[in-house]
Amino acid sequence: MLRPVRLAEQWEEIQRGLPEDWSSARLSLSLADPTVADRAAGLLVPVTPGRRAYRFRFAAVKRGPGATPTVVARTVARLDEEGIGGELSLGGIEEQAPAPEAAAAVRPALASAWSRALETLPPDWSDLYCELELTSTDYLERAALLCAPLNPARVPDDPAFRFRCARRFGYGAAQEMVQRCLERLDAEDVRGDVRILRALSDSKPVATQGPVWYVGGKAV
């Protein structure tokens, strides 16, 4: 019996077939087992998918706001780790990305990107693990200062920070504080993208500060 092709391998194959000047790739994921659709939806949060039953649509972007190829690779790898299989297919591509100056001009504000990311979450979300990726290392020191209330942690080798957000109680900044910090960055024209890496719904910590995620063997 042939081994089902893992989603991470399917994504690698799709990338190999993309033209050099691609800027956006529309992807469609059809799950092999419809009963795991809810679990898959939770794992797919970082790529902000659209959903119809057990089928999902999302996009990978080469640069700018959105799910980068690396984010897509990490996300589908998590599905593989959970034993969730299916068929990942390419729905279409956009080429001829705008020049850097034009891309910067149309890049959405970080505060707006945060609001849109929250809109993709279920109404009972309670805890988030998020990433703020900057377009240049020149922004790192100023962003760290402006985002100090979020208790941001540097991402090694990347111009990025990660932080937690809690909706009602527990460990993490309130969503309103995240909004204010990102508005401060926008006011100083600090550019980048903010995304939700992991999300929990309706958590109920008992005598604790809330849930703990382990990334690379470390609690975050």
N, C-alpha and C. Protein backbone atom coordinates (compact mmCIF):
# COMPACT_ATOMS: atom_id res chain seq x y z
N MET A 1 0.85 -1.19 0.00
CA MET A 1 0.00 0.00 0.00
C MET A 1 0.89 1.25 0.00
N LEU A 2 0.57 2.19 -0.87
CA LEU A 2 1.36 3.41 -0.96
C LEU A 2 1.12 4.29 0.26
N ARG A 3 2.20 4.91 0.72
CA ARG A 3 2.10 5.82 1.85
C ARG A 3 1.47 7.12 1.39
N PRO A 4 0.47 7.65 2.12
CA PRO A 4 -0.11 8.95 1.76
C PRO A 4 0.97 10.03 1.77
N VAL A 5 0.92 10.92 0.81
CA VAL A 5 1.91 11.99 0.74
C VAL A 5 1.61 13.03 1.81
N ARG A 6 2.61 13.31 2.65
CA ARG A 6 2.41 14.27 3.72
C ARG A 6 2.16 15.67 3.16
N LEU A 7 1.42 16.46 3.91
CA LEU A 7 1.07 17.81 3.46
C LEU A 7 2.32 18.67 3.28
N ALA A 8 3.31 18.51 4.17
CA ALA A 8 4.54 19.27 4.04
C ALA A 8 5.24 18.95 2.72
N GLU A 9 5.21 17.69 2.30
CA GLU A 9 5.82 17.30 1.04
C GLU A 9 5.04 17.86 -0.14
N GLN A 10 3.70 17.88 0.00
CA GLN A 10 2.88 18.46 -1.07
C GLN A 10 3.19 19.94 -1.24
N TRP A 11 3.37 20.65 -0.12
CA TRP A 11 3.68 22.07 -0.20
C TRP A 11 5.07 22.29 -0.83
N GLU A 12 6.04 21.46 -0.51
CA GLU A 12 7.35 21.56 -1.14
C GLU A 12 7.25 21.36 -2.65
N GLU A 13 6.43 20.40 -3.06
CA GLU A 13 6.26 20.14 -4.50
C GLU A 13 5.59 21.33 -5.18
N ILE A 14 4.61 21.92 -4.54
CA ILE A 14 3.95 23.09 -5.12
C ILE A 14 4.94 24.24 -5.27
N GLN A 15 5.77 24.46 -4.25
CA GLN A 15 6.74 25.56 -4.32
C GLN A 15 7.73 25.37 -5.46
N ARG A 16 8.14 24.12 -5.69
CA ARG A 16 9.09 23.87 -6.77
C ARG A 16 8.50 24.22 -8.14
N GLY A 17 7.18 24.16 -8.25
CA GLY A 17 6.54 24.46 -9.53
C GLY A 17 6.18 25.92 -9.73
N LEU A 18 6.42 26.76 -8.72
CA LEU A 18 6.06 28.18 -8.83
C LEU A 18 7.11 28.94 -9.64
N PRO A 19 6.69 29.93 -10.42
CA PRO A 19 7.67 30.75 -11.17
C PRO A 19 8.49 31.61 -10.23
N GLU A 20 9.64 32.07 -10.70
CA GLU A 20 10.55 32.83 -9.84
C GLU A 20 9.91 34.13 -9.36
N ASP A 21 9.06 34.75 -10.19
CA ASP A 21 8.51 36.05 -9.83
C ASP A 21 7.12 35.96 -9.21
N TRP A 22 6.78 34.81 -8.62
CA TRP A 22 5.46 34.70 -7.99
C TRP A 22 5.41 35.59 -6.76
N SER A 23 4.25 36.15 -6.49
CA SER A 23 4.08 36.99 -5.31
C SER A 23 3.04 36.42 -4.35
N SER A 24 2.02 35.73 -4.88
CA SER A 24 0.98 35.15 -4.04
C SER A 24 0.49 33.85 -4.67
N ALA A 25 0.29 32.84 -3.83
CA ALA A 25 -0.20 31.55 -4.31
C ALA A 25 -1.46 31.19 -3.53
N ARG A 26 -2.57 30.96 -4.24
CA ARG A 26 -3.82 30.57 -3.59
C ARG A 26 -3.84 29.06 -3.46
N LEU A 27 -4.11 28.58 -2.24
CA LEU A 27 -4.03 27.16 -1.94
C LEU A 27 -5.37 26.64 -1.45
N SER A 28 -5.63 25.38 -1.74
CA SER A 28 -6.85 24.71 -1.30
C SER A 28 -6.46 23.41 -0.61
N LEU A 29 -7.04 23.18 0.57
CA LEU A 29 -6.77 21.96 1.33
C LEU A 29 -8.08 21.22 1.55
N SER A 30 -8.13 19.98 1.06
CA SER A 30 -9.28 19.11 1.27
C SER A 30 -8.85 17.97 2.17
N LEU A 31 -9.48 17.85 3.34
CA LEU A 31 -9.07 16.84 4.31
C LEU A 31 -9.54 15.45 3.90
N ALA A 32 -8.72 14.47 4.20
CA ALA A 32 -9.10 13.08 3.91
C ALA A 32 -10.17 12.59 4.88
N ASP A 33 -10.16 13.13 6.10
CA ASP A 33 -11.11 12.72 7.12
C ASP A 33 -11.92 13.93 7.58
N PRO A 34 -13.17 14.07 7.15
CA PRO A 34 -13.97 15.25 7.53
C PRO A 34 -14.18 15.39 9.02
N THR A 35 -14.04 14.32 9.78
CA THR A 35 -14.32 14.39 11.22
C THR A 35 -13.27 15.18 11.99
N VAL A 36 -12.12 15.44 11.38
CA VAL A 36 -11.07 16.19 12.07
C VAL A 36 -11.03 17.65 11.63
N ALA A 37 -12.09 18.11 10.96
CA ALA A 37 -12.10 19.46 10.40
C ALA A 37 -11.97 20.53 11.47
N ASP A 38 -12.64 20.35 12.61
CA ASP A 38 -12.55 21.35 13.67
C ASP A 38 -11.14 21.44 14.23
N ARG A 39 -10.50 20.29 14.43
CA ARG A 39 -9.12 20.28 14.92
C ARG A 39 -8.19 20.94 13.91
N ALA A 40 -8.40 20.64 12.63
CA ALA A 40 -7.57 21.23 11.58
C ALA A 40 -7.75 22.74 11.54
N ALA A 41 -8.97 23.21 11.74
CA ALA A 41 -9.24 24.66 11.72
C ALA A 41 -8.41 25.37 12.78
N GLY A 42 -8.31 24.77 13.96
CA GLY A 42 -7.51 25.37 15.02
C GLY A 42 -6.03 25.42 14.67
N LEU A 43 -5.52 24.38 14.05
CA LEU A 43 -4.10 24.34 13.68
C LEU A 43 -3.79 25.26 12.51
N LEU A 44 -4.80 25.57 11.70
CA LEU A 44 -4.60 26.41 10.53
C LEU A 44 -4.72 27.90 10.82
N VAL A 45 -4.95 28.27 12.06
CA VAL A 45 -5.12 29.68 12.42
C VAL A 45 -4.00 30.58 11.88
N PRO A 46 -2.71 30.17 11.93
CA PRO A 46 -1.64 31.07 11.45
C PRO A 46 -1.77 31.48 9.99
N VAL A 47 -2.49 30.71 9.17
CA VAL A 47 -2.62 31.08 7.75
C VAL A 47 -3.98 31.71 7.46
N THR A 48 -4.78 31.99 8.49
CA THR A 48 -6.09 32.64 8.39
C THR A 48 -6.91 32.08 7.21
N PRO A 49 -7.33 30.84 7.30
CA PRO A 49 -8.03 30.21 6.16
C PRO A 49 -9.51 30.56 6.12
N GLY A 50 -10.07 30.41 4.94
CA GLY A 50 -11.51 30.36 4.79
C GLY A 50 -11.92 28.89 4.83
N ARG A 51 -13.11 28.61 5.30
CA ARG A 51 -13.50 27.21 5.48
C ARG A 51 -14.90 26.96 4.94
N ARG A 52 -15.04 25.80 4.31
CA ARG A 52 -16.34 25.27 3.93
C ARG A 52 -16.33 23.78 4.25
N ALA A 53 -17.03 23.42 5.34
CA ALA A 53 -17.06 22.03 5.80
C ALA A 53 -15.63 21.57 6.10
N TYR A 54 -15.12 20.59 5.36
CA TYR A 54 -13.77 20.08 5.60
C TYR A 54 -12.78 20.54 4.53
N ARG A 55 -13.13 21.61 3.84
CA ARG A 55 -12.24 22.20 2.83
C ARG A 55 -11.82 23.60 3.28
N PHE A 56 -10.55 23.91 3.06
CA PHE A 56 -10.00 25.19 3.50
C PHE A 56 -9.28 25.87 2.34
N ARG A 57 -9.36 27.18 2.33
CA ARG A 57 -8.64 27.98 1.34
C ARG A 57 -7.82 29.04 2.05
N PHE A 58 -6.58 29.21 1.62
CA PHE A 58 -5.72 30.25 2.18
C PHE A 58 -4.65 30.59 1.14
N ALA A 59 -3.86 31.58 1.45
CA ALA A 59 -2.85 32.03 0.48
C ALA A 59 -1.48 32.08 1.13
N ALA A 60 -0.47 31.85 0.32
CA ALA A 60 0.92 32.05 0.72
C ALA A 60 1.45 33.26 -0.03
N VAL A 61 2.17 34.13 0.66
CA VAL A 61 2.71 35.33 0.01
C VAL A 61 4.23 35.31 0.11
N LYS A 62 4.86 35.76 -0.95
CA LYS A 62 6.32 35.74 -0.98
C LYS A 62 6.90 36.84 -0.11
N ARG A 63 6.22 37.98 -0.06
CA ARG A 63 6.65 39.09 0.79
C ARG A 63 5.43 39.92 1.15
N GLY A 64 5.59 40.72 2.21
CA GLY A 64 4.48 41.56 2.62
C GLY A 64 3.60 40.85 3.64
N PRO A 65 2.45 41.46 3.98
CA PRO A 65 1.57 40.88 5.00
C PRO A 65 0.93 39.59 4.53
N GLY A 66 0.77 38.65 5.44
CA GLY A 66 0.15 37.38 5.09
C GLY A 66 1.03 36.22 5.53
N ALA A 67 0.62 35.03 5.17
CA ALA A 67 1.35 33.82 5.54
C ALA A 67 2.50 33.58 4.55
N THR A 68 3.72 33.68 5.02
CA THR A 68 4.88 33.43 4.18
C THR A 68 5.02 31.94 3.90
N PRO A 69 5.83 31.55 2.92
CA PRO A 69 6.06 30.12 2.68
C PRO A 69 6.51 29.37 3.92
N THR A 70 7.33 30.02 4.76
CA THR A 70 7.79 29.38 5.98
C THR A 70 6.64 29.13 6.95
N VAL A 71 5.75 30.11 7.07
CA VAL A 71 4.59 29.96 7.96
C VAL A 71 3.69 28.83 7.45
N VAL A 72 3.46 28.78 6.13
CA VAL A 72 2.65 27.70 5.56
C VAL A 72 3.30 26.35 5.83
N ALA A 73 4.63 26.28 5.66
CA ALA A 73 5.34 25.01 5.89
C ALA A 73 5.21 24.56 7.34
N ARG A 74 5.37 25.50 8.28
CA ARG A 74 5.24 25.14 9.70
C ARG A 74 3.82 24.68 10.01
N THR A 75 2.84 25.35 9.41
CA THR A 75 1.44 25.04 9.72
C THR A 75 1.05 23.66 9.20
N VAL A 76 1.38 23.35 7.95
CA VAL A 76 0.99 22.04 7.42
C VAL A 76 1.80 20.93 8.08
N ALA A 77 3.02 21.26 8.54
CA ALA A 77 3.81 20.26 9.26
C ALA A 77 3.13 19.89 10.58
N ARG A 78 2.48 20.88 11.21
CA ARG A 78 1.75 20.59 12.45
C ARG A 78 0.56 19.67 12.16
N LEU A 79 -0.09 19.85 11.02
CA LEU A 79 -1.17 18.94 10.64
C LEU A 79 -0.62 17.52 10.47
N ASP A 80 0.54 17.42 9.81
CA ASP A 80 1.17 16.11 9.64
C ASP A 80 1.46 15.46 11.00
N GLU A 81 1.98 16.27 11.93
CA GLU A 81 2.31 15.75 13.25
C GLU A 81 1.08 15.21 13.97
N GLU A 82 -0.07 15.82 13.70
CA GLU A 82 -1.32 15.40 14.32
C GLU A 82 -1.99 14.25 13.57
N GLY A 83 -1.35 13.80 12.49
CA GLY A 83 -1.93 12.71 11.72
C GLY A 83 -3.09 13.14 10.85
N ILE A 84 -3.18 14.43 10.54
CA ILE A 84 -4.26 14.96 9.70
C ILE A 84 -3.75 15.05 8.26
N GLY A 85 -4.36 14.27 7.39
CA GLY A 85 -3.92 14.24 6.00
C GLY A 85 -4.96 14.82 5.06
N GLY A 86 -4.58 14.93 3.82
CA GLY A 86 -5.49 15.45 2.82
C GLY A 86 -4.75 15.81 1.55
N GLU A 87 -5.41 16.59 0.72
CA GLU A 87 -4.81 17.00 -0.56
C GLU A 87 -4.66 18.51 -0.58
N LEU A 88 -3.43 18.98 -0.76
CA LEU A 88 -3.13 20.40 -0.87
C LEU A 88 -2.89 20.72 -2.34
N SER A 89 -3.66 21.65 -2.88
CA SER A 89 -3.55 21.96 -4.30
C SER A 89 -3.42 23.46 -4.52
N LEU A 90 -2.86 23.80 -5.65
CA LEU A 90 -2.65 25.19 -6.04
C LEU A 90 -3.85 25.69 -6.84
N GLY A 91 -4.47 26.77 -6.35
CA GLY A 91 -5.64 27.31 -7.04
C GLY A 91 -5.29 28.39 -8.03
N GLY A 92 -4.16 29.03 -7.86
CA GLY A 92 -3.75 30.11 -8.77
C GLY A 92 -2.61 30.89 -8.17
N ILE A 93 -1.96 31.69 -8.98
CA ILE A 93 -0.84 32.50 -8.52
C ILE A 93 -0.95 33.92 -9.06
N GLU A 94 -0.28 34.83 -8.38
CA GLU A 94 -0.12 36.20 -8.85
C GLU A 94 1.37 36.44 -9.03
N GLU A 95 1.71 37.05 -10.15
CA GLU A 95 3.11 37.30 -10.45
C GLU A 95 3.37 38.80 -10.49
N GLN A 96 4.61 39.15 -10.83
CA GLN A 96 5.01 40.55 -10.98
C GLN A 96 4.68 41.36 -9.74
N ALA A 97 5.31 40.96 -8.65
CA ALA A 97 5.11 41.69 -7.39
C ALA A 97 5.52 43.14 -7.57
N PRO A 98 4.84 44.07 -6.89
CA PRO A 98 5.18 45.48 -7.03
C PRO A 98 6.58 45.77 -6.51
N ALA A 99 7.13 46.87 -6.96
CA ALA A 99 8.44 47.29 -6.48
C ALA A 99 8.40 47.53 -4.99
N PRO A 100 9.55 47.46 -4.31
CA PRO A 100 9.55 47.64 -2.86
C PRO A 100 8.89 48.93 -2.40
N GLU A 101 9.08 50.03 -3.16
CA GLU A 101 8.48 51.30 -2.76
C GLU A 101 6.97 51.20 -2.81
N ALA A 102 6.43 50.57 -3.87
CA ALA A 102 4.98 50.45 -3.99
C ALA A 102 4.43 49.51 -2.94
N ALA A 103 5.15 48.42 -2.65
CA ALA A 103 4.68 47.48 -1.64
C ALA A 103 4.59 48.14 -0.27
N ALA A 104 5.59 48.98 0.04
CA ALA A 104 5.57 49.68 1.32
C ALA A 104 4.39 50.62 1.40
N ALA A 105 4.04 51.25 0.27
CA ALA A 105 2.96 52.22 0.27
C ALA A 105 1.61 51.58 0.55
N VAL A 106 1.42 50.32 0.11
CA VAL A 106 0.12 49.69 0.28
C VAL A 106 0.09 48.72 1.47
N ARG A 107 1.20 48.57 2.19
CA ARG A 107 1.23 47.65 3.32
C ARG A 107 0.23 48.11 4.38
N PRO A 108 -0.68 47.26 4.81
CA PRO A 108 -1.65 47.68 5.82
C PRO A 108 -0.99 47.94 7.16
N ALA A 109 -1.57 48.83 7.93
CA ALA A 109 -1.04 49.16 9.25
C ALA A 109 -1.08 47.94 10.15
N LEU A 110 -0.14 47.88 11.09
CA LEU A 110 -0.08 46.75 12.01
C LEU A 110 -1.34 46.65 12.86
N ALA A 111 -1.85 47.79 13.32
CA ALA A 111 -3.07 47.76 14.14
C ALA A 111 -4.24 47.19 13.35
N SER A 112 -4.34 47.53 12.08
CA SER A 112 -5.42 46.99 11.24
C SER A 112 -5.23 45.50 11.01
N ALA A 113 -3.97 45.09 10.80
CA ALA A 113 -3.70 43.67 10.60
C ALA A 113 -4.08 42.86 11.84
N TRP A 114 -3.86 43.45 13.03
CA TRP A 114 -4.22 42.78 14.28
C TRP A 114 -5.74 42.62 14.38
N SER A 115 -6.46 43.66 14.03
CA SER A 115 -7.92 43.59 14.08
C SER A 115 -8.45 42.51 13.14
N ARG A 116 -7.87 42.43 11.95
CA ARG A 116 -8.33 41.42 10.99
C ARG A 116 -7.99 40.02 11.47
N ALA A 117 -6.82 39.86 12.12
CA ALA A 117 -6.44 38.54 12.64
C ALA A 117 -7.43 38.09 13.72
N LEU A 118 -7.86 39.01 14.57
CA LEU A 118 -8.82 38.66 15.62
C LEU A 118 -10.15 38.24 15.03
N GLU A 119 -10.52 38.82 13.89
CA GLU A 119 -11.80 38.48 13.27
C GLU A 119 -11.85 37.04 12.78
N THR A 120 -10.68 36.42 12.59
CA THR A 120 -10.66 35.03 12.10
C THR A 120 -10.83 34.02 13.23
N LEU A 121 -10.79 34.47 14.48
CA LEU A 121 -10.84 33.56 15.62
C LEU A 121 -12.27 33.20 16.00
N PRO A 122 -12.46 32.05 16.63
CA PRO A 122 -13.79 31.70 17.15
C PRO A 122 -14.17 32.67 18.27
N PRO A 123 -15.46 32.86 18.52
CA PRO A 123 -15.90 33.85 19.50
C PRO A 123 -15.48 33.55 20.93
N ASP A 124 -15.12 32.30 21.24
CA ASP A 124 -14.75 31.96 22.61
C ASP A 124 -13.24 31.83 22.81
N TRP A 125 -12.45 32.48 21.93
CA TRP A 125 -11.00 32.37 22.09
C TRP A 125 -10.59 32.96 23.44
N SER A 126 -9.53 32.40 24.02
CA SER A 126 -9.11 32.87 25.34
C SER A 126 -7.62 33.20 25.43
N ASP A 127 -6.77 32.48 24.71
CA ASP A 127 -5.32 32.68 24.81
C ASP A 127 -4.69 32.61 23.43
N LEU A 128 -3.73 33.51 23.18
CA LEU A 128 -3.07 33.55 21.87
C LEU A 128 -1.55 33.59 22.05
N TYR A 129 -0.86 32.98 21.11
CA TYR A 129 0.59 33.09 21.00
C TYR A 129 0.85 33.73 19.64
N CYS A 130 1.48 34.90 19.63
CA CYS A 130 1.52 35.73 18.42
C CYS A 130 2.96 36.08 18.04
N GLU A 131 3.10 36.52 16.80
CA GLU A 131 4.41 36.92 16.30
C GLU A 131 4.32 38.26 15.58
N LEU A 132 5.23 39.15 15.89
CA LEU A 132 5.38 40.43 15.21
C LEU A 132 6.67 40.37 14.41
N GLU A 133 6.55 40.29 13.10
CA GLU A 133 7.72 40.21 12.21
C GLU A 133 7.95 41.56 11.56
N LEU A 134 9.13 42.11 11.72
CA LEU A 134 9.47 43.42 11.18
C LEU A 134 10.15 43.29 9.83
N THR A 135 10.02 44.32 9.01
CA THR A 135 10.62 44.25 7.67
C THR A 135 12.11 44.54 7.68
N SER A 136 12.63 45.08 8.78
CA SER A 136 14.05 45.40 8.85
C SER A 136 14.55 45.29 10.29
N THR A 137 15.80 44.87 10.44
CA THR A 137 16.40 44.83 11.77
C THR A 137 16.57 46.23 12.35
N ASP A 138 16.51 47.25 11.49
CA ASP A 138 16.63 48.63 11.97
C ASP A 138 15.52 48.99 12.95
N TYR A 139 14.38 48.27 12.86
CA TYR A 139 13.24 48.58 13.71
C TYR A 139 13.29 47.87 15.07
N LEU A 140 14.22 46.95 15.26
CA LEU A 140 14.16 46.07 16.43
C LEU A 140 14.18 46.82 17.76
N GLU A 141 15.14 47.72 17.94
CA GLU A 141 15.28 48.37 19.24
C GLU A 141 14.06 49.24 19.54
N ARG A 142 13.61 50.02 18.56
CA ARG A 142 12.47 50.89 18.80
C ARG A 142 11.20 50.08 19.04
N ALA A 143 11.03 49.00 18.27
CA ALA A 143 9.84 48.16 18.45
C ALA A 143 9.84 47.50 19.82
N ALA A 144 11.01 47.08 20.29
CA ALA A 144 11.10 46.45 21.61
C ALA A 144 10.66 47.42 22.69
N LEU A 145 11.03 48.69 22.54
CA LEU A 145 10.65 49.69 23.53
C LEU A 145 9.15 49.99 23.48
N LEU A 146 8.63 50.20 22.28
CA LEU A 146 7.22 50.54 22.15
C LEU A 146 6.30 49.39 22.53
N CYS A 147 6.80 48.15 22.39
CA CYS A 147 5.99 46.97 22.70
C CYS A 147 6.34 46.36 24.05
N ALA A 148 7.07 47.09 24.89
CA ALA A 148 7.48 46.55 26.19
C ALA A 148 6.31 46.02 27.02
N PRO A 149 5.12 46.65 26.99
CA PRO A 149 4.00 46.11 27.78
C PRO A 149 3.57 44.70 27.37
N LEU A 150 3.97 44.26 26.18
CA LEU A 150 3.60 42.93 25.71
C LEU A 150 4.58 41.86 26.20
N ASN A 151 5.66 42.30 26.86
CA ASN A 151 6.71 41.36 27.28
C ASN A 151 7.20 40.54 26.08
N PRO A 152 7.63 41.21 25.01
CA PRO A 152 8.00 40.48 23.79
C PRO A 152 9.30 39.71 23.95
N ALA A 153 9.37 38.57 23.29
CA ALA A 153 10.58 37.74 23.28
C ALA A 153 11.14 37.72 21.87
N ARG A 154 12.43 37.94 21.75
CA ARG A 154 13.08 37.96 20.44
C ARG A 154 13.07 36.57 19.81
N VAL A 155 12.92 36.54 18.50
CA VAL A 155 13.03 35.30 17.73
C VAL A 155 14.45 35.23 17.19
N PRO A 156 15.23 34.24 17.57
CA PRO A 156 16.62 34.16 17.13
C PRO A 156 16.74 34.17 15.61
N ASP A 157 17.68 34.97 15.11
CA ASP A 157 18.03 35.02 13.68
C ASP A 157 16.96 35.65 12.81
N ASP A 158 15.88 36.17 13.39
CA ASP A 158 14.82 36.82 12.61
C ASP A 158 14.51 38.18 13.22
N PRO A 159 14.13 39.16 12.40
CA PRO A 159 13.73 40.46 12.95
C PRO A 159 12.30 40.39 13.47
N ALA A 160 12.09 39.65 14.53
CA ALA A 160 10.73 39.38 14.99
C ALA A 160 10.69 39.20 16.50
N PHE A 161 9.49 39.43 17.04
CA PHE A 161 9.21 39.20 18.45
C PHE A 161 7.99 38.30 18.56
N ARG A 162 7.90 37.58 19.68
CA ARG A 162 6.70 36.80 19.96
C ARG A 162 6.16 37.20 21.33
N PHE A 163 4.86 37.13 21.47
CA PHE A 163 4.23 37.55 22.72
C PHE A 163 2.92 36.80 22.90
N ARG A 164 2.40 36.86 24.14
CA ARG A 164 1.14 36.21 24.44
C ARG A 164 0.05 37.24 24.66
N CYS A 165 -1.16 36.83 24.38
CA CYS A 165 -2.33 37.69 24.58
C CYS A 165 -3.40 36.86 25.28
N ALA A 166 -4.00 37.44 26.32
CA ALA A 166 -5.07 36.77 27.04
C ALA A 166 -6.32 37.64 26.96
N ARG A 167 -7.44 37.02 26.71
CA ARG A 167 -8.66 37.78 26.49
C ARG A 167 -9.28 38.32 27.78
N ARG A 168 -9.41 37.47 28.81
CA ARG A 168 -10.10 37.90 30.02
C ARG A 168 -9.22 37.84 31.26
N PHE A 169 -8.37 36.84 31.38
CA PHE A 169 -7.55 36.68 32.58
C PHE A 169 -6.37 35.79 32.21
N GLY A 170 -5.42 35.68 33.14
CA GLY A 170 -4.28 34.81 32.90
C GLY A 170 -3.08 35.55 32.35
N TYR A 171 -2.09 34.80 31.93
CA TYR A 171 -0.82 35.36 31.47
C TYR A 171 -0.94 35.87 30.04
N GLY A 172 -0.46 37.08 29.81
CA GLY A 172 -0.49 37.65 28.47
C GLY A 172 -1.11 39.04 28.49
N ALA A 173 -0.76 39.85 27.50
CA ALA A 173 -1.31 41.20 27.40
C ALA A 173 -2.76 41.15 26.93
N ALA A 174 -3.54 42.12 27.37
CA ALA A 174 -4.92 42.24 26.90
C ALA A 174 -4.90 42.62 25.42
N GLN A 175 -5.94 42.22 24.69
CA GLN A 175 -5.98 42.53 23.27
C GLN A 175 -5.97 44.03 23.02
N GLU A 176 -6.55 44.81 23.96
CA GLU A 176 -6.53 46.27 23.81
C GLU A 176 -5.12 46.83 23.95
N MET A 177 -4.31 46.22 24.83
CA MET A 177 -2.93 46.66 24.98
C MET A 177 -2.12 46.32 23.73
N VAL A 178 -2.37 45.14 23.16
CA VAL A 178 -1.71 44.80 21.90
C VAL A 178 -2.05 45.83 20.84
N GLN A 179 -3.33 46.20 20.76
CA GLN A 179 -3.77 47.19 19.79
C GLN A 179 -3.04 48.52 19.98
N ARG A 180 -2.92 48.97 21.24
CA ARG A 180 -2.27 50.25 21.49
C ARG A 180 -0.79 50.21 21.13
N CYS A 181 -0.13 49.11 21.44
CA CYS A 181 1.29 49.00 21.11
C CYS A 181 1.51 49.02 19.59
N LEU A 182 0.65 48.33 18.87
CA LEU A 182 0.79 48.32 17.41
C LEU A 182 0.46 49.68 16.82
N GLU A 183 -0.46 50.40 17.43
CA GLU A 183 -0.76 51.76 16.97
C GLU A 183 0.45 52.68 17.17
N ARG A 184 1.20 52.46 18.26
CA ARG A 184 2.42 53.23 18.48
C ARG A 184 3.45 52.95 17.38
N LEU A 185 3.56 51.68 16.99
CA LEU A 185 4.48 51.33 15.90
C LEU A 185 4.03 52.00 14.59
N ASP A 186 2.73 51.96 14.32
CA ASP A 186 2.21 52.59 13.11
C ASP A 186 2.51 54.09 13.10
N ALA A 187 2.39 54.72 14.27
CA ALA A 187 2.60 56.16 14.36
C ALA A 187 4.05 56.54 14.04
N GLU A 188 4.98 55.61 14.26
CA GLU A 188 6.38 55.87 13.97
C GLU A 188 6.82 55.19 12.67
N ASP A 189 5.83 54.71 11.89
CA ASP A 189 6.09 54.11 10.58
C ASP A 189 7.01 52.89 10.67
N VAL A 190 6.86 52.13 11.76
CA VAL A 190 7.56 50.85 11.89
C VAL A 190 6.75 49.82 11.11
N ARG A 191 7.36 49.17 10.15
CA ARG A 191 6.63 48.30 9.24
C ARG A 191 6.90 46.83 9.54
N GLY A 192 5.90 46.01 9.25
CA GLY A 192 6.02 44.58 9.47
C GLY A 192 4.69 43.90 9.33
N ASP A 193 4.57 42.76 9.99
CA ASP A 193 3.33 42.00 9.94
C ASP A 193 3.13 41.34 11.30
N VAL A 194 1.88 41.21 11.71
CA VAL A 194 1.56 40.55 12.96
C VAL A 194 0.64 39.37 12.66
N ARG A 195 0.93 38.23 13.26
CA ARG A 195 0.14 37.03 12.98
C ARG A 195 -0.07 36.23 14.26
N ILE A 196 -1.12 35.44 14.26
CA ILE A 196 -1.44 34.57 15.39
C ILE A 196 -0.89 33.18 15.08
N LEU A 197 0.02 32.70 15.91
CA LEU A 197 0.63 31.39 15.69
C LEU A 197 -0.18 30.25 16.30
N ARG A 198 -0.71 30.49 17.50
CA ARG A 198 -1.48 29.45 18.19
C ARG A 198 -2.61 30.10 18.96
N ALA A 199 -3.70 29.38 19.11
CA ALA A 199 -4.86 29.92 19.80
C ALA A 199 -5.55 28.82 20.60
N LEU A 200 -6.08 29.21 21.75
CA LEU A 200 -6.88 28.32 22.58
C LEU A 200 -8.24 28.97 22.83
N SER A 201 -9.24 28.14 23.01
CA SER A 201 -10.58 28.64 23.27
C SER A 201 -11.08 28.18 24.63
N ASP A 202 -11.74 29.10 25.32
CA ASP A 202 -12.46 28.78 26.56
C ASP A 202 -11.58 28.05 27.57
N SER A 203 -10.33 28.49 27.72
CA SER A 203 -9.47 27.87 28.74
C SER A 203 -9.91 28.34 30.13
N LYS A 204 -9.77 27.48 31.12
CA LYS A 204 -10.21 27.79 32.49
C LYS A 204 -9.09 27.42 33.46
N PRO A 205 -8.10 28.31 33.62
CA PRO A 205 -7.00 28.00 34.54
C PRO A 205 -7.48 27.93 35.98
N VAL A 206 -6.96 26.96 36.71
CA VAL A 206 -7.30 26.78 38.13
C VAL A 206 -6.02 26.96 38.94
N ALA A 207 -5.98 28.05 39.72
CA ALA A 207 -4.82 28.36 40.57
C ALA A 207 -3.54 28.48 39.75
N THR A 208 -3.66 28.90 38.48
CA THR A 208 -2.49 29.12 37.63
C THR A 208 -2.70 30.42 36.86
N GLN A 209 -1.66 30.83 36.13
CA GLN A 209 -1.77 32.02 35.30
C GLN A 209 -2.30 31.70 33.91
N GLY A 210 -2.58 30.45 33.65
CA GLY A 210 -3.11 30.09 32.35
C GLY A 210 -2.33 28.97 31.70
N PRO A 211 -2.69 28.59 30.47
CA PRO A 211 -2.03 27.48 29.78
C PRO A 211 -0.59 27.80 29.42
N VAL A 212 0.18 26.76 29.18
CA VAL A 212 1.58 26.89 28.80
C VAL A 212 1.80 26.18 27.47
N TRP A 213 2.44 26.88 26.54
CA TRP A 213 2.85 26.26 25.28
C TRP A 213 4.34 25.93 25.37
N TYR A 214 4.73 24.84 24.72
CA TYR A 214 6.13 24.48 24.64
C TYR A 214 6.59 24.61 23.19
N VAL A 215 7.58 25.45 22.97
CA VAL A 215 8.15 25.67 21.63
C VAL A 215 9.64 25.39 21.71
N GLY A 216 10.10 24.43 20.95
CA GLY A 216 11.51 24.06 21.00
C GLY A 216 11.93 23.56 22.36
N GLY A 217 11.00 22.93 23.08
CA GLY A 217 11.31 22.40 24.40
C GLY A 217 11.27 23.41 25.52
N LYS A 218 10.90 24.67 25.21
CA LYS A 218 10.85 25.72 26.22
C LYS A 218 9.42 26.21 26.39
N ALA A 219 9.06 26.52 27.63
CA ALA A 219 7.73 27.06 27.91
C ALA A 219 7.67 28.51 27.46
N VAL A 220 6.57 28.89 26.82
CA VAL A 220 6.39 30.28 26.37
C VAL A 220 5.06 30.80 26.91
